[in-house]
Amino acid sequence: MIFSSKLKYNLYWTEKIMVKFNLIEVVNGFYRYEIFPEGDESRREIFEFNPSTRELKRNDPPRYGFDYVSKCIINLKNADGSLKESGQVVWY
């Protein structure tokens, strides 16, 4: 019984969630990104983010039961402080 419950616990924490992102353009200080929850291009969302003012613009509220945009914004910066052009964020 103990081994069985440990196995369930380990399987639960190995589940990954991810979002891919690509920079589309920069206009008036706003970086426009497209994101793909779970890497699925049919679930594309677009948001704009101004890193100087921390202002976020988006057309739609979170559509898939989770706010992928917020998770993406937290991970947009490179080590030198610039914003990434593309990438993915994975969390457990």
N, C-alpha and C. Protein backbone atom coordinates (compact mmCIF):
# COMPACT_ATOMS: atom_id res chain seq x y z
N MET A 1 0.81 -1.20 0.00
CA MET A 1 0.00 0.00 0.00
C MET A 1 0.85 1.26 0.00
N ILE A 2 1.91 1.31 0.76
CA ILE A 2 2.73 2.51 0.83
C ILE A 2 3.37 2.79 -0.52
N PHE A 3 3.89 1.75 -1.16
CA PHE A 3 4.52 1.93 -2.47
C PHE A 3 3.50 2.48 -3.47
N SER A 4 2.29 1.97 -3.43
CA SER A 4 1.25 2.40 -4.35
C SER A 4 0.94 3.89 -4.19
N SER A 5 0.80 4.37 -2.98
CA SER A 5 0.47 5.78 -2.78
C SER A 5 1.65 6.68 -3.17
N LYS A 6 2.88 6.23 -2.97
CA LYS A 6 4.04 7.01 -3.40
C LYS A 6 4.07 7.12 -4.92
N LEU A 7 3.72 6.05 -5.58
CA LEU A 7 3.70 6.05 -7.03
C LEU A 7 2.70 7.07 -7.55
N LYS A 8 1.51 7.11 -6.96
CA LYS A 8 0.50 8.08 -7.37
C LYS A 8 1.02 9.50 -7.16
N TYR A 9 1.66 9.74 -6.05
CA TYR A 9 2.19 11.06 -5.73
C TYR A 9 3.23 11.49 -6.76
N ASN A 10 4.13 10.59 -7.13
CA ASN A 10 5.16 10.92 -8.11
C ASN A 10 4.58 11.16 -9.49
N LEU A 11 3.57 10.40 -9.88
CA LEU A 11 2.95 10.61 -11.18
C LEU A 11 2.25 11.96 -11.24
N TYR A 12 1.64 12.37 -10.14
CA TYR A 12 0.95 13.65 -10.09
C TYR A 12 1.93 14.79 -10.35
N TRP A 13 3.09 14.77 -9.77
CA TRP A 13 4.04 15.87 -9.90
C TRP A 13 4.86 15.83 -11.17
N THR A 14 4.75 14.79 -11.96
CA THR A 14 5.49 14.76 -13.22
C THR A 14 4.66 15.29 -14.38
N GLU A 15 3.39 15.65 -14.13
CA GLU A 15 2.57 16.24 -15.17
C GLU A 15 3.09 17.63 -15.51
N LYS A 16 3.27 17.93 -16.78
CA LYS A 16 3.80 19.22 -17.20
C LYS A 16 2.70 20.04 -17.88
N ILE A 17 2.78 21.34 -17.69
CA ILE A 17 1.92 22.28 -18.40
C ILE A 17 2.87 23.23 -19.09
N MET A 18 2.54 23.65 -20.30
CA MET A 18 3.46 24.54 -21.00
C MET A 18 2.72 25.51 -21.90
N VAL A 19 3.45 26.56 -22.26
CA VAL A 19 2.95 27.54 -23.21
C VAL A 19 4.12 28.00 -24.07
N LYS A 20 3.92 28.03 -25.39
CA LYS A 20 4.93 28.55 -26.30
C LYS A 20 4.56 29.98 -26.66
N PHE A 21 5.57 30.82 -26.92
CA PHE A 21 5.30 32.20 -27.27
C PHE A 21 6.24 32.70 -28.35
N ASN A 22 5.75 33.67 -29.14
CA ASN A 22 6.53 34.31 -30.22
C ASN A 22 6.22 35.79 -30.22
N LEU A 23 7.25 36.60 -30.36
CA LEU A 23 7.08 38.03 -30.51
C LEU A 23 6.62 38.32 -31.94
N ILE A 24 5.54 39.09 -32.07
CA ILE A 24 5.02 39.45 -33.39
C ILE A 24 5.61 40.79 -33.83
N GLU A 25 5.53 41.80 -32.94
CA GLU A 25 6.05 43.12 -33.27
C GLU A 25 6.14 43.97 -32.00
N VAL A 26 6.83 45.10 -32.12
CA VAL A 26 6.92 46.07 -31.05
C VAL A 26 6.41 47.40 -31.60
N VAL A 27 5.39 47.97 -30.94
CA VAL A 27 4.80 49.23 -31.39
C VAL A 27 4.58 50.12 -30.18
N ASN A 28 5.17 51.33 -30.23
CA ASN A 28 5.00 52.31 -29.15
C ASN A 28 5.30 51.75 -27.77
N GLY A 29 6.34 50.95 -27.66
CA GLY A 29 6.75 50.40 -26.38
C GLY A 29 6.01 49.14 -25.97
N PHE A 30 5.00 48.73 -26.72
CA PHE A 30 4.25 47.50 -26.43
C PHE A 30 4.78 46.36 -27.28
N TYR A 31 5.08 45.27 -26.62
CA TYR A 31 5.53 44.05 -27.28
C TYR A 31 4.30 43.17 -27.51
N ARG A 32 3.99 42.89 -28.76
CA ARG A 32 2.83 42.04 -29.08
C ARG A 32 3.32 40.61 -29.26
N TYR A 33 2.76 39.73 -28.47
CA TYR A 33 3.12 38.31 -28.50
C TYR A 33 1.92 37.47 -28.86
N GLU A 34 2.19 36.34 -29.49
CA GLU A 34 1.20 35.29 -29.66
C GLU A 34 1.64 34.14 -28.78
N ILE A 35 0.66 33.49 -28.14
CA ILE A 35 0.99 32.34 -27.31
C ILE A 35 0.16 31.15 -27.77
N PHE A 36 0.70 29.96 -27.51
CA PHE A 36 0.04 28.71 -27.88
C PHE A 36 0.01 27.81 -26.65
N PRO A 37 -1.12 27.82 -25.91
CA PRO A 37 -1.22 26.93 -24.75
C PRO A 37 -1.03 25.47 -25.16
N GLU A 38 -0.20 24.78 -24.43
CA GLU A 38 0.14 23.38 -24.70
C GLU A 38 0.73 23.19 -26.09
N GLY A 39 1.25 24.28 -26.70
CA GLY A 39 1.85 24.19 -28.03
C GLY A 39 0.84 24.03 -29.15
N ASP A 40 -0.45 24.14 -28.84
CA ASP A 40 -1.52 23.91 -29.80
C ASP A 40 -1.83 25.20 -30.56
N GLU A 41 -1.53 25.24 -31.85
CA GLU A 41 -1.73 26.44 -32.66
C GLU A 41 -3.20 26.81 -32.83
N SER A 42 -4.10 25.88 -32.64
CA SER A 42 -5.53 26.19 -32.75
C SER A 42 -6.03 26.97 -31.52
N ARG A 43 -5.23 27.03 -30.46
CA ARG A 43 -5.61 27.73 -29.23
C ARG A 43 -4.87 29.07 -29.09
N ARG A 44 -4.45 29.62 -30.18
CA ARG A 44 -3.65 30.86 -30.21
C ARG A 44 -4.34 32.02 -29.49
N GLU A 45 -3.56 32.74 -28.68
CA GLU A 45 -4.02 33.96 -28.03
C GLU A 45 -2.98 35.04 -28.30
N ILE A 46 -3.40 36.30 -28.28
CA ILE A 46 -2.49 37.42 -28.50
C ILE A 46 -2.61 38.38 -27.32
N PHE A 47 -1.46 38.91 -26.88
CA PHE A 47 -1.47 39.94 -25.85
C PHE A 47 -0.37 40.94 -26.14
N GLU A 48 -0.49 42.12 -25.55
CA GLU A 48 0.52 43.17 -25.67
C GLU A 48 0.98 43.53 -24.27
N PHE A 49 2.29 43.75 -24.14
CA PHE A 49 2.87 44.03 -22.83
C PHE A 49 3.91 45.13 -22.96
N ASN A 50 3.80 46.15 -22.10
CA ASN A 50 4.79 47.22 -22.05
C ASN A 50 5.66 46.98 -20.81
N PRO A 51 6.92 46.60 -20.99
CA PRO A 51 7.77 46.28 -19.84
C PRO A 51 8.11 47.50 -18.98
N SER A 52 8.07 48.69 -19.56
CA SER A 52 8.39 49.90 -18.79
C SER A 52 7.28 50.25 -17.80
N THR A 53 6.04 50.16 -18.26
CA THR A 53 4.90 50.51 -17.40
C THR A 53 4.23 49.29 -16.78
N ARG A 54 4.61 48.10 -17.23
CA ARG A 54 4.02 46.83 -16.80
C ARG A 54 2.54 46.73 -17.19
N GLU A 55 2.14 47.50 -18.20
CA GLU A 55 0.76 47.49 -18.67
C GLU A 55 0.53 46.30 -19.59
N LEU A 56 -0.60 45.66 -19.41
CA LEU A 56 -0.97 44.49 -20.20
C LEU A 56 -2.26 44.80 -20.96
N LYS A 57 -2.26 44.49 -22.25
CA LYS A 57 -3.46 44.62 -23.07
C LYS A 57 -3.78 43.25 -23.64
N ARG A 58 -5.03 42.88 -23.53
CA ARG A 58 -5.47 41.63 -24.14
C ARG A 58 -6.92 41.79 -24.55
N ASN A 59 -7.30 41.12 -25.61
CA ASN A 59 -8.67 41.23 -26.12
C ASN A 59 -9.64 40.34 -25.37
N ASP A 60 -9.17 39.21 -24.95
CA ASP A 60 -10.05 38.22 -24.34
C ASP A 60 -9.58 37.85 -22.95
N PRO A 61 -10.51 37.47 -22.07
CA PRO A 61 -10.09 36.90 -20.79
C PRO A 61 -9.51 35.50 -21.05
N PRO A 62 -8.85 34.91 -20.05
CA PRO A 62 -8.31 33.55 -20.24
C PRO A 62 -9.40 32.61 -20.76
N ARG A 63 -9.08 31.87 -21.82
CA ARG A 63 -10.09 31.03 -22.47
C ARG A 63 -10.05 29.56 -22.08
N TYR A 64 -8.97 29.10 -21.54
CA TYR A 64 -8.83 27.66 -21.37
C TYR A 64 -8.71 27.23 -19.92
N GLY A 65 -9.36 27.97 -19.03
CA GLY A 65 -9.37 27.58 -17.63
C GLY A 65 -8.08 27.89 -16.89
N PHE A 66 -7.15 28.55 -17.55
CA PHE A 66 -5.88 28.89 -16.92
C PHE A 66 -5.33 30.14 -17.60
N ASP A 67 -4.70 31.00 -16.85
CA ASP A 67 -4.18 32.23 -17.41
C ASP A 67 -2.75 32.02 -17.91
N TYR A 68 -2.63 31.52 -19.13
CA TYR A 68 -1.32 31.26 -19.74
C TYR A 68 -0.54 32.54 -19.97
N VAL A 69 -1.24 33.65 -20.23
CA VAL A 69 -0.56 34.93 -20.49
C VAL A 69 0.25 35.34 -19.27
N SER A 70 -0.33 35.27 -18.09
CA SER A 70 0.40 35.66 -16.88
C SER A 70 1.63 34.79 -16.66
N LYS A 71 1.50 33.52 -16.89
CA LYS A 71 2.64 32.62 -16.74
C LYS A 71 3.74 32.97 -17.75
N CYS A 72 3.34 33.36 -18.93
CA CYS A 72 4.30 33.74 -19.97
C CYS A 72 5.03 35.03 -19.60
N ILE A 73 4.29 36.04 -19.15
CA ILE A 73 4.88 37.35 -18.83
C ILE A 73 5.96 37.22 -17.76
N ILE A 74 5.72 36.40 -16.79
CA ILE A 74 6.68 36.21 -15.69
C ILE A 74 8.02 35.72 -16.22
N ASN A 75 8.00 35.02 -17.34
CA ASN A 75 9.21 34.39 -17.88
C ASN A 75 9.71 35.01 -19.18
N LEU A 76 9.33 36.24 -19.49
CA LEU A 76 9.73 36.86 -20.75
C LEU A 76 11.14 37.44 -20.76
N LYS A 77 11.69 37.77 -19.61
CA LYS A 77 12.98 38.47 -19.58
C LYS A 77 14.18 37.55 -19.77
N ASN A 78 15.14 38.04 -20.56
CA ASN A 78 16.44 37.39 -20.67
C ASN A 78 17.29 37.81 -19.47
N ALA A 79 18.44 37.20 -19.31
CA ALA A 79 19.34 37.52 -18.20
C ALA A 79 19.81 38.97 -18.25
N ASP A 80 19.92 39.54 -19.45
CA ASP A 80 20.38 40.93 -19.58
C ASP A 80 19.24 41.96 -19.43
N GLY A 81 18.02 41.50 -19.18
CA GLY A 81 16.88 42.40 -18.98
C GLY A 81 16.03 42.64 -20.21
N SER A 82 16.53 42.25 -21.38
CA SER A 82 15.74 42.40 -22.61
C SER A 82 14.64 41.34 -22.62
N LEU A 83 13.66 41.53 -23.50
CA LEU A 83 12.58 40.56 -23.60
C LEU A 83 12.89 39.53 -24.68
N LYS A 84 12.49 38.32 -24.43
CA LYS A 84 12.72 37.23 -25.38
C LYS A 84 11.83 37.38 -26.61
N GLU A 85 12.34 36.91 -27.73
CA GLU A 85 11.57 36.92 -28.97
C GLU A 85 10.68 35.69 -29.09
N SER A 86 11.13 34.59 -28.55
CA SER A 86 10.33 33.36 -28.59
C SER A 86 10.83 32.42 -27.49
N GLY A 87 10.05 31.41 -27.25
CA GLY A 87 10.44 30.41 -26.27
C GLY A 87 9.24 29.65 -25.77
N GLN A 88 9.46 28.96 -24.67
CA GLN A 88 8.36 28.24 -24.04
C GLN A 88 8.59 28.23 -22.54
N VAL A 89 7.49 28.13 -21.82
CA VAL A 89 7.53 28.07 -20.38
C VAL A 89 6.91 26.74 -19.98
N VAL A 90 7.61 26.00 -19.16
CA VAL A 90 7.12 24.70 -18.69
C VAL A 90 7.11 24.72 -17.18
N TRP A 91 6.05 24.24 -16.59
CA TRP A 91 5.98 24.13 -15.14
C TRP A 91 5.24 22.86 -14.77
N TYR A 92 5.40 22.45 -13.54
CA TYR A 92 4.79 21.20 -13.07
C TYR A 92 3.61 21.48 -12.18
